[in-house]
């Protein structure tokens, strides 16, 4: 690859490989030599395409911010649209923890969330929320997403629990609700729990702004 490195290799390919290394091993594992080995090229070729390591990290941060900015709402109702935005934001944060940490370390966390906040502002305005109530709505949804992701990450990295929930929740512990004990003893469905919590939050925040319709109470 040495003879035609510059023409065969692209900046996007370098960033893809760098993002992959960061995702698998963390930012500290990203060295120019390791990246060159991953791509099967010379270190000088990496420098030619993206500059030094700091410039490479800046480019990864910019791309991560841009990807979070691509979140778009979908759905017929405000509740569905906001829940969709929340799901997309959660997925991005959950799937790229090291890249998100890199953004945070470089002091760009607020900028990273700005595009999603703007989407939520538009949805809040469309639902009739204005001013402080709209701001509270935006932050409540954002904090719900971030908090859920942090809890998920902590559970994933925690050591095996002894005793576990399946042992702690017996029929006796649940009193007269054995079905509750069985449910709490099962592994957590984090996706379902997240959607349930977000929908409940959004519904409560939008309730004063939305007219009551027969179809709403039926759902």
C-alpha atoms as a PDB file:
ATOM      1  CA  UNK A   1       0.000   0.000   0.000  1.00  0.00           C
ATOM      2  CA  UNK A   2       3.037   2.238   0.399  1.00  0.00           C
ATOM      3  CA  UNK A   3       3.228   3.422  -3.204  1.00  0.00           C
ATOM      4  CA  UNK A   4      -0.373   4.574  -3.460  1.00  0.00           C
ATOM      5  CA  UNK A   5      -1.173   5.272   0.167  1.00  0.00           C
ATOM      6  CA  UNK A   6      -2.359   8.843  -0.252  1.00  0.00           C
ATOM      7  CA  UNK A   7      -4.717   8.071  -3.099  1.00  0.00           C
ATOM      8  CA  UNK A   8      -6.071   4.823  -1.597  1.00  0.00           C
ATOM      9  CA  UNK A   9      -6.571   6.122   1.921  1.00  0.00           C
ATOM     10  CA  UNK A  10      -9.137   8.793   2.739  1.00  0.00           C
ATOM     11  CA  UNK A  11      -9.672  11.076   5.712  1.00  0.00           C
ATOM     12  CA  UNK A  12     -13.002   9.383   6.431  1.00  0.00           C
ATOM     13  CA  UNK A  13     -11.355   5.960   6.458  1.00  0.00           C
ATOM     14  CA  UNK A  14      -8.788   7.228   8.962  1.00  0.00           C
ATOM     15  CA  UNK A  15     -11.513   8.681  11.175  1.00  0.00           C
ATOM     16  CA  UNK A  16     -13.557   5.465  10.930  1.00  0.00           C
ATOM     17  CA  UNK A  17     -10.584   3.399  12.053  1.00  0.00           C
ATOM     18  CA  UNK A  18      -9.728   5.854  14.831  1.00  0.00           C
ATOM     19  CA  UNK A  19     -13.330   5.861  16.071  1.00  0.00           C
ATOM     20  CA  UNK A  20     -13.282   2.064  16.070  1.00  0.00           C
ATOM     21  CA  UNK A  21     -10.147   1.966  18.217  1.00  0.00           C
ATOM     22  CA  UNK A  22     -11.567   4.490  20.658  1.00  0.00           C
ATOM     23  CA  UNK A  23     -14.860   2.613  20.853  1.00  0.00           C
ATOM     24  CA  UNK A  24     -13.111  -0.694  21.600  1.00  0.00           C
ATOM     25  CA  UNK A  25     -10.250   0.421  23.842  1.00  0.00           C
ATOM     26  CA  UNK A  26     -10.773   4.043  24.881  1.00  0.00           C
ATOM     27  CA  UNK A  27      -9.023   7.297  23.881  1.00  0.00           C
ATOM     28  CA  UNK A  28      -5.739   6.428  25.604  1.00  0.00           C
ATOM     29  CA  UNK A  29      -5.291   3.454  23.298  1.00  0.00           C
ATOM     30  CA  UNK A  30      -5.383   5.679  20.218  1.00  0.00           C
ATOM     31  CA  UNK A  31      -1.816   6.224  19.054  1.00  0.00           C
ATOM     32  CA  UNK A  32      -0.666   7.109  15.581  1.00  0.00           C
ATOM     33  CA  UNK A  33       1.356   3.903  15.334  1.00  0.00           C
ATOM     34  CA  UNK A  34      -1.566   1.737  16.396  1.00  0.00           C
ATOM     35  CA  UNK A  35      -3.879   3.521  13.988  1.00  0.00           C
ATOM     36  CA  UNK A  36      -1.393   3.091  11.141  1.00  0.00           C
ATOM     37  CA  UNK A  37      -1.146  -0.628  11.948  1.00  0.00           C
ATOM     38  CA  UNK A  38      -4.940  -0.885  11.982  1.00  0.00           C
ATOM     39  CA  UNK A  39      -5.083   0.653   8.509  1.00  0.00           C
ATOM     40  CA  UNK A  40      -2.036  -1.170   7.178  1.00  0.00           C
ATOM     41  CA  UNK A  41      -0.283   2.038   6.230  1.00  0.00           C
ATOM     42  CA  UNK A  42       2.588   4.261   7.293  1.00  0.00           C
ATOM     43  CA  UNK A  43       2.371   6.719  10.182  1.00  0.00           C
ATOM     44  CA  UNK A  44       3.332   9.531   7.808  1.00  0.00           C
ATOM     45  CA  UNK A  45       0.234   8.811   5.758  1.00  0.00           C
ATOM     46  CA  UNK A  46      -1.962   9.282   8.850  1.00  0.00           C
ATOM     47  CA  UNK A  47      -0.320  12.646   9.508  1.00  0.00           C
ATOM     48  CA  UNK A  48      -0.866  13.672   5.900  1.00  0.00           C
ATOM     49  CA  UNK A  49      -4.595  12.985   6.106  1.00  0.00           C
ATOM     50  CA  UNK A  50      -5.514  14.233   9.597  1.00  0.00           C
ATOM     51  CA  UNK A  51      -2.482  15.919  11.128  1.00  0.00           C
ATOM     52  CA  UNK A  52      -1.178  14.985  14.572  1.00  0.00           C
ATOM     53  CA  UNK A  53      -2.932  13.159  17.387  1.00  0.00           C
ATOM     54  CA  UNK A  54      -4.543  16.292  18.828  1.00  0.00           C
ATOM     55  CA  UNK A  55      -5.927  17.231  15.425  1.00  0.00           C
ATOM     56  CA  UNK A  56      -7.213  13.667  15.048  1.00  0.00           C
ATOM     57  CA  UNK A  57      -8.964  13.833  18.425  1.00  0.00           C
ATOM     58  CA  UNK A  58     -10.494  17.186  17.489  1.00  0.00           C
ATOM     59  CA  UNK A  59     -11.791  15.671  14.244  1.00  0.00           C
ATOM     60  CA  UNK A  60     -13.312  12.728  16.122  1.00  0.00           C
ATOM     61  CA  UNK A  61     -15.020  15.119  18.522  1.00  0.00           C
ATOM     62  CA  UNK A  62     -16.403  17.208  15.662  1.00  0.00           C
ATOM     63  CA  UNK A  63     -17.748  14.109  13.951  1.00  0.00           C
ATOM     64  CA  UNK A  64     -19.362  12.831  17.140  1.00  0.00           C
ATOM     65  CA  UNK A  65     -21.048  16.191  17.671  1.00  0.00           C
ATOM     66  CA  UNK A  66     -22.222  16.199  14.057  1.00  0.00           C
ATOM     67  CA  UNK A  67     -23.689  12.690  14.361  1.00  0.00           C
ATOM     68  CA  UNK A  68     -25.666  13.700  17.434  1.00  0.00           C
ATOM     69  CA  UNK A  69     -26.885  16.675  15.444  1.00  0.00           C
ATOM     70  CA  UNK A  70     -28.513  14.346  12.913  1.00  0.00           C
ATOM     71  CA  UNK A  71     -31.236  13.241  15.328  1.00  0.00           C
ATOM     72  CA  UNK A  72     -34.639  13.910  13.806  1.00  0.00           C
ATOM     73  CA  UNK A  73     -38.087  13.427  15.380  1.00  0.00           C
ATOM     74  CA  UNK A  74     -40.649  11.071  13.883  1.00  0.00           C
ATOM     75  CA  UNK A  75     -44.184  10.177  14.833  1.00  0.00           C
ATOM     76  CA  UNK A  76     -47.685  11.666  14.702  1.00  0.00           C
ATOM     77  CA  UNK A  77     -48.034  13.023  18.241  1.00  0.00           C
ATOM     78  CA  UNK A  78     -45.706  15.220  20.326  1.00  0.00           C
ATOM     79  CA  UNK A  79     -45.286  12.359  22.791  1.00  0.00           C
ATOM     80  CA  UNK A  80     -44.218   9.948  20.042  1.00  0.00           C
ATOM     81  CA  UNK A  81     -41.872  12.464  18.455  1.00  0.00           C
ATOM     82  CA  UNK A  82     -40.115  13.411  21.688  1.00  0.00           C
ATOM     83  CA  UNK A  83     -39.862   9.761  22.756  1.00  0.00           C
ATOM     84  CA  UNK A  84     -38.231   9.026  19.382  1.00  0.00           C
ATOM     85  CA  UNK A  85     -35.685  11.807  19.882  1.00  0.00           C
ATOM     86  CA  UNK A  86     -34.936  10.482  23.372  1.00  0.00           C
ATOM     87  CA  UNK A  87     -34.448   6.937  22.056  1.00  0.00           C
ATOM     88  CA  UNK A  88     -32.072   8.123  19.331  1.00  0.00           C
ATOM     89  CA  UNK A  89     -30.072  10.215  21.792  1.00  0.00           C
ATOM     90  CA  UNK A  90     -29.849   7.306  24.237  1.00  0.00           C
ATOM     91  CA  UNK A  91     -28.653   4.974  21.497  1.00  0.00           C
ATOM     92  CA  UNK A  92     -25.925   7.383  20.405  1.00  0.00           C
ATOM     93  CA  UNK A  93     -24.701   7.917  23.960  1.00  0.00           C
ATOM     94  CA  UNK A  94     -24.873   4.223  24.804  1.00  0.00           C
ATOM     95  CA  UNK A  95     -23.175   2.997  21.632  1.00  0.00           C
ATOM     96  CA  UNK A  96     -20.262   5.464  21.768  1.00  0.00           C
ATOM     97  CA  UNK A  97     -19.319   5.909  25.447  1.00  0.00           C
ATOM     98  CA  UNK A  98     -15.605   6.525  24.813  1.00  0.00           C
ATOM     99  CA  UNK A  99     -16.283   9.083  22.093  1.00  0.00           C
ATOM    100  CA  UNK A 100     -18.802  10.838  24.318  1.00  0.00           C
ATOM    101  CA  UNK A 101     -16.241  10.823  27.147  1.00  0.00           C
ATOM    102  CA  UNK A 102     -13.726  12.317  24.734  1.00  0.00           C
ATOM    103  CA  UNK A 103     -16.143  15.130  23.902  1.00  0.00           C
ATOM    104  CA  UNK A 104     -16.643  15.747  27.616  1.00  0.00           C
ATOM    105  CA  UNK A 105     -12.908  15.796  28.341  1.00  0.00           C
ATOM    106  CA  UNK A 106     -12.408  18.456  25.689  1.00  0.00           C
ATOM    107  CA  UNK A 107     -15.055  20.694  27.233  1.00  0.00           C
ATOM    108  CA  UNK A 108     -17.650  20.362  24.479  1.00  0.00           C
ATOM    109  CA  UNK A 109     -20.439  18.507  26.275  1.00  0.00           C
ATOM    110  CA  UNK A 110     -22.911  21.382  26.109  1.00  0.00           C
ATOM    111  CA  UNK A 111     -22.210  21.852  22.417  1.00  0.00           C
ATOM    112  CA  UNK A 112     -22.734  18.118  21.869  1.00  0.00           C
ATOM    113  CA  UNK A 113     -26.233  18.282  23.353  1.00  0.00           C
ATOM    114  CA  UNK A 114     -27.217  21.547  21.666  1.00  0.00           C
ATOM    115  CA  UNK A 115     -28.631  20.001  18.441  1.00  0.00           C
ATOM    116  CA  UNK A 116     -30.837  17.580  20.400  1.00  0.00           C
ATOM    117  CA  UNK A 117     -31.925  20.441  22.658  1.00  0.00           C
ATOM    118  CA  UNK A 118     -32.935  22.494  19.624  1.00  0.00           C
ATOM    119  CA  UNK A 119     -35.043  19.617  18.324  1.00  0.00           C
ATOM    120  CA  UNK A 120     -36.738  19.329  21.719  1.00  0.00           C
ATOM    121  CA  UNK A 121     -37.338  23.101  21.794  1.00  0.00           C
ATOM    122  CA  UNK A 122     -39.172  22.895  18.473  1.00  0.00           C
ATOM    123  CA  UNK A 123     -41.309  20.062  19.795  1.00  0.00           C
ATOM    124  CA  UNK A 124     -42.025  21.978  23.006  1.00  0.00           C
ATOM    125  CA  UNK A 125     -43.108  25.035  21.036  1.00  0.00           C
ATOM    126  CA  UNK A 126     -45.262  22.929  18.733  1.00  0.00           C
ATOM    127  CA  UNK A 127     -46.985  21.482  21.803  1.00  0.00           C
ATOM    128  CA  UNK A 128     -47.696  24.948  23.197  1.00  0.00           C
ATOM    129  CA  UNK A 129     -44.951  25.205  25.810  1.00  0.00           C
ATOM    130  CA  UNK A 130     -43.077  28.512  26.009  1.00  0.00           C
ATOM    131  CA  UNK A 131     -40.458  30.206  28.128  1.00  0.00           C
ATOM    132  CA  UNK A 132     -39.430  28.585  31.396  1.00  0.00           C
ATOM    133  CA  UNK A 133     -41.837  25.679  30.932  1.00  0.00           C
ATOM    134  CA  UNK A 134     -40.299  24.856  27.551  1.00  0.00           C
ATOM    135  CA  UNK A 135     -36.792  25.077  29.040  1.00  0.00           C
ATOM    136  CA  UNK A 136     -37.792  22.771  31.896  1.00  0.00           C
ATOM    137  CA  UNK A 137     -39.243  20.325  29.381  1.00  0.00           C
ATOM    138  CA  UNK A 138     -36.014  20.249  27.331  1.00  0.00           C
ATOM    139  CA  UNK A 139     -33.777  19.736  30.348  1.00  0.00           C
ATOM    140  CA  UNK A 140     -36.029  17.138  31.948  1.00  0.00           C
ATOM    141  CA  UNK A 141     -35.935  14.977  28.825  1.00  0.00           C
ATOM    142  CA  UNK A 142     -32.164  15.433  28.422  1.00  0.00           C
ATOM    143  CA  UNK A 143     -31.466  14.560  32.070  1.00  0.00           C
ATOM    144  CA  UNK A 144     -33.746  11.523  31.848  1.00  0.00           C
ATOM    145  CA  UNK A 145     -31.781  10.222  28.866  1.00  0.00           C
ATOM    146  CA  UNK A 146     -28.338  10.894  30.339  1.00  0.00           C
ATOM    147  CA  UNK A 147     -29.275   9.514  33.750  1.00  0.00           C
ATOM    148  CA  UNK A 148     -30.664   6.323  32.248  1.00  0.00           C
ATOM    149  CA  UNK A 149     -27.515   5.789  30.172  1.00  0.00           C
ATOM    150  CA  UNK A 150     -25.286   6.305  33.224  1.00  0.00           C
ATOM    151  CA  UNK A 151     -27.274   3.741  35.221  1.00  0.00           C
ATOM    152  CA  UNK A 152     -27.073   1.286  32.320  1.00  0.00           C
ATOM    153  CA  UNK A 153     -23.310   1.744  32.043  1.00  0.00           C
ATOM    154  CA  UNK A 154     -22.835   1.254  35.787  1.00  0.00           C
ATOM    155  CA  UNK A 155     -24.888  -1.938  35.736  1.00  0.00           C
ATOM    156  CA  UNK A 156     -22.927  -3.284  32.771  1.00  0.00           C
ATOM    157  CA  UNK A 157     -19.586  -2.651  34.478  1.00  0.00           C
ATOM    158  CA  UNK A 158     -20.611  -3.784  37.959  1.00  0.00           C
ATOM    159  CA  UNK A 159     -19.251  -7.079  39.342  1.00  0.00           C
ATOM    160  CA  UNK A 160     -21.555 -10.058  39.621  1.00  0.00           C
ATOM    161  CA  UNK A 161     -23.969  -9.391  42.458  1.00  0.00           C
ATOM    162  CA  UNK A 162     -24.321 -11.992  45.233  1.00  0.00           C
ATOM    163  CA  UNK A 163     -27.088 -12.315  46.070  1.00  0.00           C
ATOM    164  CA  UNK A 164     -28.705 -11.161  42.854  1.00  0.00           C
ATOM    165  CA  UNK A 165     -32.195  -9.814  42.329  1.00  0.00           C
ATOM    166  CA  UNK A 166     -33.503 -13.290  41.519  1.00  0.00           C
ATOM    167  CA  UNK A 167     -32.506 -14.386  45.043  1.00  0.00           C
ATOM    168  CA  UNK A 168     -33.488 -11.211  46.874  1.00  0.00           C
ATOM    169  CA  UNK A 169     -36.980 -11.032  45.483  1.00  0.00           C
ATOM    170  CA  UNK A 170     -38.847 -13.999  46.862  1.00  0.00           C
ATOM    171  CA  UNK A 171     -42.583 -14.297  47.260  1.00  0.00           C
ATOM    172  CA  UNK A 172     -42.190 -13.353  50.937  1.00  0.00           C
ATOM    173  CA  UNK A 173     -40.293 -10.147  50.106  1.00  0.00           C
ATOM    174  CA  UNK A 174     -43.114  -8.984  47.830  1.00  0.00           C
ATOM    175  CA  UNK A 175     -45.835  -9.553  50.424  1.00  0.00           C
ATOM    176  CA  UNK A 176     -49.107 -10.440  48.747  1.00  0.00           C
ATOM    177  CA  UNK A 177     -47.828  -9.708  45.217  1.00  0.00           C
ATOM    178  CA  UNK A 178     -45.943 -12.799  43.949  1.00  0.00           C
ATOM    179  CA  UNK A 179     -46.194 -11.545  40.357  1.00  0.00           C
ATOM    180  CA  UNK A 180     -44.171  -8.484  41.424  1.00  0.00           C
ATOM    181  CA  UNK A 181     -41.494 -10.741  42.913  1.00  0.00           C
ATOM    182  CA  UNK A 182     -41.256 -12.772  39.715  1.00  0.00           C
ATOM    183  CA  UNK A 183     -41.009  -9.622  37.603  1.00  0.00           C
ATOM    184  CA  UNK A 184     -38.284  -8.043  39.755  1.00  0.00           C
ATOM    185  CA  UNK A 185     -36.342 -11.296  39.767  1.00  0.00           C
ATOM    186  CA  UNK A 186     -36.079 -11.265  35.976  1.00  0.00           C
ATOM    187  CA  UNK A 187     -33.301  -9.375  34.141  1.00  0.00           C
ATOM    188  CA  UNK A 188     -34.099  -5.723  33.480  1.00  0.00           C
ATOM    189  CA  UNK A 189     -35.374  -4.887  29.997  1.00  0.00           C
ATOM    190  CA  UNK A 190     -33.594  -1.526  29.869  1.00  0.00           C
ATOM    191  CA  UNK A 191     -35.037  -0.538  26.481  1.00  0.00           C
ATOM    192  CA  UNK A 192     -38.617  -1.105  27.590  1.00  0.00           C
ATOM    193  CA  UNK A 193     -37.995   0.599  30.936  1.00  0.00           C
ATOM    194  CA  UNK A 194     -36.470   3.606  29.185  1.00  0.00           C
ATOM    195  CA  UNK A 195     -39.387   4.022  26.780  1.00  0.00           C
ATOM    196  CA  UNK A 196     -41.906   3.665  29.619  1.00  0.00           C
ATOM    197  CA  UNK A 197     -40.145   6.293  31.734  1.00  0.00           C
ATOM    198  CA  UNK A 198     -39.693   8.753  28.859  1.00  0.00           C
ATOM    199  CA  UNK A 199     -43.290   8.483  27.727  1.00  0.00           C
ATOM    200  CA  UNK A 200     -44.563   9.015  31.255  1.00  0.00           C
ATOM    201  CA  UNK A 201     -42.275  12.018  31.710  1.00  0.00           C
ATOM    202  CA  UNK A 202     -43.193  13.591  28.387  1.00  0.00           C
ATOM    203  CA  UNK A 203     -46.896  12.992  28.925  1.00  0.00           C
ATOM    204  CA  UNK A 204     -46.800  14.677  32.328  1.00  0.00           C
ATOM    205  CA  UNK A 205     -44.804  17.650  31.050  1.00  0.00           C
ATOM    206  CA  UNK A 206     -47.015  18.165  28.019  1.00  0.00           C
ATOM    207  CA  UNK A 207     -50.354  17.472  29.729  1.00  0.00           C
ATOM    208  CA  UNK A 208     -51.150  21.116  30.632  1.00  0.00           C
ATOM    209  CA  UNK A 209     -50.312  22.253  27.090  1.00  0.00           C
ATOM    210  CA  UNK A 210     -52.200  19.625  25.143  1.00  0.00           C
ATOM    211  CA  UNK A 211     -55.976  19.459  24.799  1.00  0.00           C
ATOM    212  CA  UNK A 212     -57.618  16.339  26.149  1.00  0.00           C
ATOM    213  CA  UNK A 213     -58.906  14.089  23.403  1.00  0.00           C
ATOM    214  CA  UNK A 214     -60.889  10.823  23.637  1.00  0.00           C
ATOM    215  CA  UNK A 215     -58.117   8.976  21.806  1.00  0.00           C
ATOM    216  CA  UNK A 216     -55.562  10.087  24.435  1.00  0.00           C
ATOM    217  CA  UNK A 217     -57.421   8.522  27.352  1.00  0.00           C
ATOM    218  CA  UNK A 218     -58.038   5.371  25.310  1.00  0.00           C
ATOM    219  CA  UNK A 219     -54.272   4.875  24.737  1.00  0.00           C
END
